[in-house]
Each structure stands twice: as C-alpha cells, then as structure tokens.
Protein backbone atom coordinates (compact mmCIF):
# COMPACT_ATOMS: atom_id res chain seq x y z
CA MET A 1 -203.15 -61.42 61.61
CA ASP A 2 -200.96 -60.09 58.89
CA LEU A 3 -202.41 -57.18 56.72
CA LYS A 4 -201.98 -59.10 53.76
CA ASN A 5 -203.79 -62.39 54.61
CA VAL A 6 -206.65 -60.03 56.44
CA HIS A 7 -207.00 -57.86 52.98
CA GLN A 8 -207.30 -61.37 51.48
CA LYS A 9 -210.10 -62.63 52.99
CA LEU A 10 -211.99 -59.67 53.39
CA LEU A 11 -211.59 -58.87 49.44
CA GLU A 12 -213.11 -63.24 49.16
CA LEU A 13 -216.24 -62.25 51.27
CA VAL A 14 -216.93 -58.33 49.82
CA ILE A 15 -216.71 -60.46 46.09
CA GLU A 16 -219.46 -62.86 47.72
CA PHE A 17 -221.50 -59.96 48.84
CA ASP A 18 -221.38 -58.45 45.49
CA GLU A 19 -222.35 -61.22 43.40
CA ILE A 20 -225.41 -61.69 45.55
CA CYS A 21 -226.11 -57.96 45.73
CA SER A 22 -225.42 -58.48 41.73
CA LYS A 23 -227.91 -61.19 41.19
CA ASN A 24 -230.80 -60.16 43.74
CA GLN A 25 -230.57 -56.55 41.81
CA ILE A 26 -229.24 -54.61 45.40
CA LYS A 27 -227.56 -51.39 45.10
CA TYR A 28 -225.14 -50.64 48.03
CA THR A 29 -222.18 -48.45 47.94
CA LEU A 30 -218.61 -48.94 49.57
CA HIS A 31 -218.50 -46.54 52.93
CA GLY A 32 -216.31 -44.89 55.03
CA GLY A 33 -212.41 -46.29 54.51
CA SER A 34 -213.64 -48.47 51.89
CA LEU A 35 -214.81 -46.21 49.54
CA LEU A 36 -211.62 -43.97 50.09
CA GLY A 37 -209.36 -46.63 48.81
CA ALA A 38 -211.63 -47.52 46.08
CA ILE A 39 -210.89 -43.83 44.46
CA ARG A 40 -207.46 -43.52 45.97
CA GLU A 41 -205.65 -47.00 46.41
CA LYS A 42 -207.65 -48.87 43.53
CA GLY A 43 -207.98 -51.22 46.61
CA PHE A 44 -207.55 -51.00 50.52
CA ILE A 45 -206.00 -48.62 51.81
CA PRO A 46 -202.66 -50.14 53.09
CA TRP A 47 -203.47 -50.05 57.15
CA ASP A 48 -207.07 -50.43 57.24
CA ASP A 49 -208.71 -53.84 57.72
CA ASP A 50 -212.14 -53.78 57.26
CA ILE A 51 -214.97 -53.56 54.75
CA ASP A 52 -217.70 -51.41 54.85
CA VAL A 53 -220.55 -50.70 52.57
CA ALA A 54 -224.05 -48.52 52.58
CA MET A 55 -227.24 -49.43 51.69
CA THR A 56 -230.44 -47.50 52.24
CA ARG A 57 -233.62 -49.34 54.10
CA ASN A 58 -235.29 -50.99 51.27
CA GLU A 59 -232.19 -52.67 49.59
CA TYR A 60 -230.90 -54.09 52.88
CA ILE A 61 -234.79 -55.62 53.55
CA LYS A 62 -234.26 -57.13 50.45
CA PHE A 63 -230.42 -58.17 51.41
CA GLU A 64 -231.88 -59.71 54.70
CA LYS A 65 -234.84 -61.67 53.03
CA ILE A 66 -232.05 -63.18 51.01
CA LEU A 67 -229.83 -64.12 53.19
CA LYS A 68 -232.35 -66.24 55.42
CA ASN A 69 -232.85 -69.04 53.21
CA SER A 70 -228.52 -69.38 52.93
CA HIS A 71 -227.12 -72.10 54.16
CA LYS A 72 -223.51 -70.15 53.52
CA TYR A 73 -224.21 -66.71 54.96
CA TYR A 74 -225.82 -64.49 57.59
CA VAL A 75 -226.43 -61.05 58.97
CA TYR A 76 -225.05 -61.12 62.36
CA GLY A 77 -225.76 -58.06 64.69
CA SER A 78 -229.06 -56.54 66.37
CA ILE A 79 -228.34 -52.89 65.84
CA LYS A 80 -224.57 -53.00 63.94
CA LYS A 81 -224.64 -55.05 61.49
CA GLN A 82 -222.27 -57.85 58.86
CA PHE A 83 -222.33 -59.57 56.43
CA ARG A 84 -221.05 -63.00 57.93
CA LYS A 85 -219.94 -66.52 56.66
CA LYS A 86 -221.64 -69.30 59.09
CA ASN A 87 -218.60 -71.37 59.31
CA ASP A 88 -216.32 -68.27 59.47
CA ASP A 89 -217.10 -65.41 61.51
CA SER A 90 -213.57 -64.34 61.83
CA PHE A 91 -214.24 -61.83 58.81
CA TRP A 92 -216.96 -59.71 58.27
CA VAL A 93 -218.51 -56.75 55.75
CA ASP A 94 -220.03 -54.02 57.94
CA ILE A 95 -223.39 -52.88 56.98
CA PHE A 96 -224.64 -49.52 57.30
CA ILE A 97 -228.10 -48.82 56.75
CA CYS A 98 -229.60 -45.41 55.70
CA ASP A 99 -232.77 -44.21 56.52
CA TYR A 100 -234.04 -40.77 56.29
CA ILE A 101 -233.73 -38.13 58.98
CA ASP A 102 -235.23 -34.37 59.13
CA GLU A 103 -232.53 -31.56 59.01
CA GLY A 104 -233.16 -29.63 62.48
CA LEU A 105 -234.06 -29.78 65.70
CA LEU A 106 -235.98 -33.17 65.20
CA GLY A 107 -233.24 -34.75 63.50
CA LYS A 108 -231.00 -33.93 66.24
CA VAL A 109 -233.34 -35.61 68.84
CA LYS A 110 -233.42 -38.59 66.58
CA ASN A 111 -229.30 -38.79 66.49
CA ASN A 112 -229.94 -38.73 70.36
CA MET A 113 -232.43 -40.98 71.06
CA LEU A 114 -230.75 -43.83 68.89
CA THR A 115 -227.32 -43.17 70.73
CA VAL A 116 -229.50 -43.66 73.93
CA LEU A 117 -231.07 -47.31 72.74
CA ASP A 118 -227.20 -47.87 71.39
CA ILE A 119 -225.65 -47.72 74.57
CA MET A 120 -228.66 -49.54 76.11
CA ASN A 121 -228.29 -52.39 73.55
CA ARG A 122 -224.28 -53.08 74.35
CA ASP A 123 -223.14 -56.03 76.00
CA LYS A 124 -220.59 -56.45 78.78
CA ASN A 125 -217.40 -57.21 76.15
CA SER A 126 -217.97 -54.11 73.86
CA ILE A 127 -218.21 -51.84 77.21
CA LYS A 128 -214.82 -53.18 78.20
CA LEU A 129 -213.70 -52.05 73.97
CA SER A 130 -215.32 -48.83 74.65
CA ASN A 131 -212.63 -45.84 74.78
CA PHE A 132 -213.96 -44.14 77.53
CA SER A 133 -210.89 -41.88 77.83
CA GLN A 134 -212.23 -39.74 74.74
CA TYR A 135 -215.01 -38.26 77.12
CA GLY A 136 -215.28 -35.87 79.40
CA LYS A 137 -216.25 -37.26 83.11
CA LYS A 138 -219.87 -36.16 82.58
CA LYS A 139 -220.04 -38.09 79.60
CA GLN A 140 -218.51 -41.20 80.99
CA ILE A 141 -221.09 -41.20 83.79
CA ALA A 142 -223.85 -40.67 81.54
CA PHE A 143 -223.08 -43.22 79.30
CA LYS A 144 -222.89 -45.91 82.20
CA LEU A 145 -225.73 -44.96 83.84
CA ILE A 146 -227.50 -45.36 80.28
CA TYR A 147 -226.14 -48.60 79.88
CA ASN A 148 -227.21 -50.32 83.59
CA LEU A 149 -230.62 -48.83 82.18
CA GLY A 150 -230.75 -50.70 79.65
CA LYS A 151 -230.05 -53.86 81.44
CA ILE A 152 -233.98 -53.16 82.96
CA PHE A 153 -235.02 -54.04 79.17
CA SER A 154 -235.12 -57.34 76.74
CA GLU A 155 -232.69 -56.83 73.52
CA ARG A 156 -235.41 -57.36 71.51
CA LYS A 157 -237.36 -54.68 72.65
CA LYS A 158 -234.47 -52.19 72.61
CA VAL A 159 -233.64 -53.19 69.37
CA SER A 160 -237.68 -52.90 68.44
CA TRP A 161 -237.53 -49.29 69.50
CA TYR A 162 -234.34 -48.54 67.56
CA GLU A 163 -235.69 -50.07 64.50
CA LYS A 164 -239.04 -47.99 64.48
CA ILE A 165 -237.41 -44.88 65.06
CA SER A 166 -234.70 -45.30 62.02
CA GLU A 167 -237.23 -46.10 59.78
CA LYS A 168 -240.24 -44.49 60.91
CA LYS A 169 -239.96 -41.21 63.14
CA PHE A 170 -238.52 -37.85 62.49
CA LEU A 171 -238.19 -38.00 58.47
CA GLY A 172 -238.36 -34.72 57.95
CA ASN A 173 -239.54 -34.47 53.95
CA ARG A 174 -237.42 -37.47 53.04
CA THR A 175 -234.44 -35.42 51.04
CA LEU A 176 -232.03 -36.26 53.89
CA MET A 177 -230.44 -39.45 54.83
CA HIS A 178 -227.96 -40.92 57.56
CA ARG A 179 -226.53 -43.59 58.52
CA SER A 180 -228.51 -44.75 61.30
CA ASN A 181 -226.76 -47.84 62.82
CA ASP A 182 -223.46 -46.36 62.66
CA GLN A 183 -221.24 -45.03 64.85
CA TYR A 184 -222.34 -41.95 66.98
CA LYS A 185 -220.41 -39.56 65.00
CA GLY A 186 -220.95 -41.77 61.47
CA ARG A 187 -224.87 -41.03 62.69
CA ASN A 188 -225.21 -37.35 62.91
CA GLU A 189 -223.24 -37.41 58.96
CA ILE A 190 -226.36 -36.05 56.91
CA PHE A 191 -226.17 -36.21 53.36
CA PRO A 192 -229.24 -35.50 50.39
CA ALA A 193 -230.86 -38.59 49.93
CA GLU A 194 -230.27 -38.50 46.33
CA TRP A 195 -227.13 -39.62 46.68
CA MET A 196 -228.10 -43.24 47.35
CA ASP A 197 -230.24 -42.95 43.72
CA GLU A 198 -227.17 -43.81 41.31
CA PHE A 199 -224.42 -46.13 41.57
CA ILE A 200 -221.27 -46.84 39.22
CA ARG A 201 -218.79 -49.82 39.51
CA VAL A 202 -215.12 -48.96 40.03
CA PRO A 203 -211.73 -51.02 40.12
CA PHE A 204 -210.90 -52.41 43.83
CA GLU A 205 -208.22 -54.93 43.80
CA ASP A 206 -208.28 -57.50 41.09
CA THR A 207 -212.27 -57.18 41.26
CA SER A 208 -214.46 -54.30 40.97
CA LEU A 209 -217.24 -53.15 43.44
CA LEU A 210 -220.41 -50.36 43.74
CA ILE A 211 -220.01 -46.92 45.00
CA MET A 212 -222.35 -43.90 44.53
CA LYS A 213 -222.13 -41.68 41.76
CA GLU A 214 -221.53 -38.89 43.88
CA TYR A 215 -219.02 -40.13 45.70
CA HIS A 216 -216.37 -37.20 45.42
CA LYS A 217 -219.37 -35.18 47.73
CA MET A 218 -219.36 -37.50 50.09
CA LEU A 219 -215.49 -38.02 50.38
CA VAL A 220 -214.93 -34.59 50.60
CA LYS A 221 -218.06 -34.40 53.70
CA CYS A 222 -216.02 -36.99 55.36
CA TYR A 223 -212.54 -36.41 54.65
CA GLY A 224 -212.15 -33.07 53.34
CA GLU A 225 -210.98 -31.27 50.22
CA ASN A 226 -207.86 -33.11 50.68
CA TYR A 227 -208.90 -36.62 50.85
CA MET A 228 -206.28 -37.89 48.20
CA VAL A 229 -203.64 -36.94 50.33
CA PRO A 230 -203.20 -40.27 52.87
CA ILE A 231 -203.55 -39.79 56.31
CA LYS A 232 -202.84 -43.18 58.41
CA ASP A 233 -205.84 -44.19 60.86
CA THR A 234 -205.16 -47.14 62.83
CA ARG A 235 -207.87 -46.20 65.77
CA ASN A 236 -209.72 -49.12 65.37
CA SER A 237 -207.28 -51.67 64.64
CA ASP A 238 -206.45 -53.44 67.99
CA VAL A 239 -210.60 -53.75 68.21
CA HIS A 240 -211.18 -55.56 65.08
CA GLU A 241 -208.21 -57.39 65.76
CA LEU A 242 -209.79 -58.40 69.81
CA VAL A 243 -213.69 -59.14 67.59
CA ARG A 244 -211.65 -61.66 65.14
CA LYS A 245 -210.36 -63.88 67.89
CA ASP A 246 -214.13 -63.88 69.71
CA GLY A 247 -216.58 -63.27 66.37
CA GLY A 248 -219.19 -62.97 69.10
CA LEU A 249 -218.79 -59.57 70.23
CA LYS A 250 -221.16 -56.38 70.04
CA LEU A 251 -219.32 -53.12 68.00
C-alpha cells in the first residue's frame, strides 16, 4: 500500500485513540519514531509506517477496561498490545506499557526473564518473520530451544507469568521504568519514572497529540544528540506490510 494512504489511515486511527484517552483522562505519549516524527517533522517521518504510543501500567489498565465495553475498538495481543478497530485489522496503534524496574542486577534478571517468556509465547508465523541472521549461532539455537520449550505451557500461563513479572517483580525503589512489553532492545532502555508524569500536546499532521514533557531527554537517549538529522530506517516495513495482509500475526 502507498505510504501516503498508510499515513492517512494511521492518522485517522490515532486521532480516535487520542479522543478516547482525552475523554477518559488517560495520559499517554507518542513513542519511538512517532515521537521523533512529532518533533522533527510535526507528523510522520516520511518512511515510517506505524504509530507507537506508551503509557504507564495504571493508565493502560484504565484504557483496557474502557475498551472492553466498546463495540468499535479493542486491544489485540497477549504481550504486545495494539489498539485496533473491530472491523479492520489492517491498521493499529502499538501500545507499550511502562513498568517499574530495578537499575542493578535484578533489573537485568527481569529483562532476561521477560525475553524468555516473550520467545516462549511466539507463534509459528511470528517465528517465520524473525530475523535470525542478526544473531550468532549460539543465540539462534537458544532462541529455538526456548520457543519449543514454550509449547509445553498454555498461552494463558505464559502471559500470566509475563504480566506478574512486569508489574510486580524487581521494581527497585520505583524511580525507574522501562517498556516491559517492547522488543528486547526497547525493554533494556531504562529511564526515570518521572518522565511519565507530565505531558504536553504538540502538532502532528493536521491534529495534535500528547508527548512526554521530557521528550528531548528521551529522544537523546534513544537516537543520540543529533536526533534532528534524518537517518532512514525501514527495517520493519516489510514485516508491517505482511501483518497488514494477515492481521492475526503476533509481533
């Protein structure tokens, strides 16, 4: 699909997401490339083909409860979360949940446990989409062993473990957070919890959306001091296009 049309569809969906959040006093922030686009482009990065948001666990729980009574929208996914329309699985807003984490060894233990459970909960289609070439032989073997081990347990059990560890284990002194349901690299990005306390509204295409007030610090952390200099990154575009054709794939 042409990126201009993708952007238009995503914009319509994130506006609806924002309206639900605004109506119910739920705070979120654009995240990743969407946050970078809001600051650098005042909208989509030209080659970006998704929308990412992040919210704290408490805000996500409120959001999920509201959507349970919706006839139009729902949250898709067991570990990875997506805001979708019930009549269209081709487009979604990725939702990353921010949980507390210890900054020391226990934080590393937490991330490793979540990584294992994430791999165990994959399905056959998401395994096919995994880029194993980025790993060495030992990691590839470990990945496949963990994935096959996961077949022993039910999805409900694996997700229950994941949520319990994310929300209740290895929280440190509750001053640091991470995106507990992000990819491995994203989960390892630890930041001050206070960054998720204050939010501002900024222009995004022909509307406005919420971002964290400390967006500059987050963008420097994720992209470096020169984040205003465009660097084209289309690593996930092929995967996103495949998932749009079959909205049931796990990411």
